[in-house]
Protein backbone atom coordinates (compact mmCIF):
# COMPACT_ATOMS: atom_id res chain seq x y z
CA UNK A 1 81.26 65.64 107.08
CA UNK A 2 80.40 67.44 110.33
CA UNK A 3 81.96 66.46 113.38
CA UNK A 4 78.72 65.28 114.92
CA UNK A 5 78.10 62.89 112.13
CA UNK A 6 81.66 61.19 112.56
CA UNK A 7 80.47 57.82 113.99
CA UNK A 8 82.49 56.50 117.04
CA UNK A 9 84.15 53.12 117.01
CA UNK A 10 85.60 50.54 119.39
CA UNK A 11 88.66 48.20 118.46
CA UNK A 12 87.27 44.58 120.01
CA UNK A 13 89.28 42.24 118.43
CA UNK A 14 92.92 41.61 117.96
CA UNK A 15 94.47 44.09 120.94
CA UNK A 16 96.98 41.87 122.76
CA UNK A 17 99.58 44.74 123.53
CA UNK A 18 100.00 48.11 124.50
CA UNK A 19 100.95 48.82 120.99
CA UNK A 20 98.07 47.42 119.23
CA UNK A 21 96.22 50.09 121.79
CA UNK A 22 97.99 52.79 120.55
CA UNK A 23 97.37 51.95 116.76
CA UNK A 24 93.88 51.46 117.16
CA UNK A 25 93.86 54.98 118.49
CA UNK A 26 95.73 56.75 115.80
CA UNK A 27 93.43 55.21 113.63
CA UNK A 28 90.79 57.09 115.21
CA UNK A 29 89.08 54.35 117.79
CA UNK A 30 87.32 55.68 120.81
CA UNK A 31 88.45 52.88 122.95
CA UNK A 32 89.50 49.27 122.69
CA UNK A 33 89.03 46.03 124.74
CA UNK A 34 91.09 43.80 125.70
CA UNK A 35 89.37 40.26 126.70
CA UNK A 36 92.41 38.00 125.68
CA UNK A 37 94.91 39.49 127.94
CA UNK A 38 92.02 39.67 130.63
CA UNK A 39 91.15 36.26 130.30
CA UNK A 40 94.60 34.86 130.31
CA UNK A 41 95.68 36.91 133.41
CA UNK A 42 92.58 35.40 135.15
CA UNK A 43 93.56 31.87 134.44
CA UNK A 44 96.96 32.31 135.05
CA UNK A 45 96.40 34.00 138.58
CA UNK A 46 92.99 35.29 139.11
CA UNK A 47 92.41 38.74 140.23
CA UNK A 48 96.03 39.27 140.55
CA UNK A 49 96.57 37.78 136.90
CA UNK A 50 93.85 40.45 135.48
CA UNK A 51 95.80 43.44 137.39
CA UNK A 52 99.39 42.52 136.14
CA UNK A 53 98.14 41.94 132.33
CA UNK A 54 96.79 45.43 132.55
CA UNK A 55 99.94 47.02 134.36
CA UNK A 56 102.16 45.16 131.44
CA UNK A 57 99.67 46.36 128.49
CA UNK A 58 99.53 50.12 129.87
CA UNK A 59 103.56 50.28 130.27
CA UNK A 60 104.08 49.15 126.82
CA UNK A 61 101.32 51.90 125.81
CA UNK A 62 103.67 54.10 127.45
CA UNK A 63 106.38 52.68 126.05
CA UNK A 64 104.96 53.12 122.40
CA UNK A 65 103.79 56.28 123.10
CA UNK A 66 107.04 57.62 124.16
CA UNK A 67 108.77 56.22 121.30
CA UNK A 68 106.30 58.34 118.96
CA UNK A 69 107.16 61.41 121.29
CA UNK A 70 103.34 61.39 122.34
CA UNK A 71 102.65 62.19 126.16
CA UNK A 72 98.43 62.37 125.57
CA UNK A 73 96.76 59.50 123.85
CA UNK A 74 94.26 62.30 123.32
CA UNK A 75 96.83 63.75 120.85
CA UNK A 76 97.67 60.40 119.20
CA UNK A 77 96.52 60.29 115.29
CA UNK A 78 97.01 59.15 112.21
CA UNK A 79 100.21 61.08 111.79
CA UNK A 80 102.06 58.40 114.41
CA UNK A 81 101.23 55.77 111.73
CA UNK A 82 103.63 54.73 109.02
CA UNK A 83 102.12 54.86 106.18
CA UNK A 84 104.44 53.36 103.19
CA UNK A 85 104.46 55.56 99.58
CA UNK A 86 102.48 53.99 96.77
CA UNK A 87 105.70 53.39 95.33
CA UNK A 88 106.47 50.66 97.37
CA UNK A 89 103.72 48.62 96.42
CA UNK A 90 104.42 45.84 93.67
CA UNK A 91 101.51 45.52 91.03
CA UNK A 92 100.15 42.08 90.91
CA UNK A 93 101.31 41.01 87.55
CA UNK A 94 105.03 42.16 88.27
CA UNK A 95 104.84 40.34 91.42
CA UNK A 96 103.91 37.32 89.74
CA UNK A 97 106.60 37.10 86.94
CA UNK A 98 109.32 38.04 89.91
CA UNK A 99 112.01 35.24 90.15
CA UNK A 100 113.21 34.27 93.17
CA UNK A 101 116.88 34.96 93.96
CA UNK A 102 119.16 32.19 94.27
CA UNK A 103 121.59 31.88 97.29
CA UNK A 104 124.76 30.76 95.82
CA UNK A 105 127.73 29.89 98.43
């Protein structure tokens, strides 16, 4: 697929923190919408609440990027996501047969 054919997408649901923004961007989103945080801020304190909600999300995004060693949101990608190796997946039949551990004191 050529780069001109790659679809552009935005996340419009489930974005509550700066970490959510980072994960969406790492998965290839062009941007995110933060309606819930915006509305909560508006309901709590009007325009000042919206401003504060945006500041909190920005601060969380900066912290998350720093912890991932990134300084530029345009360089965030799938390499920033922790994907468990296939060996961590438990096959469905084995999961059903697994017995819960008993805790003896």
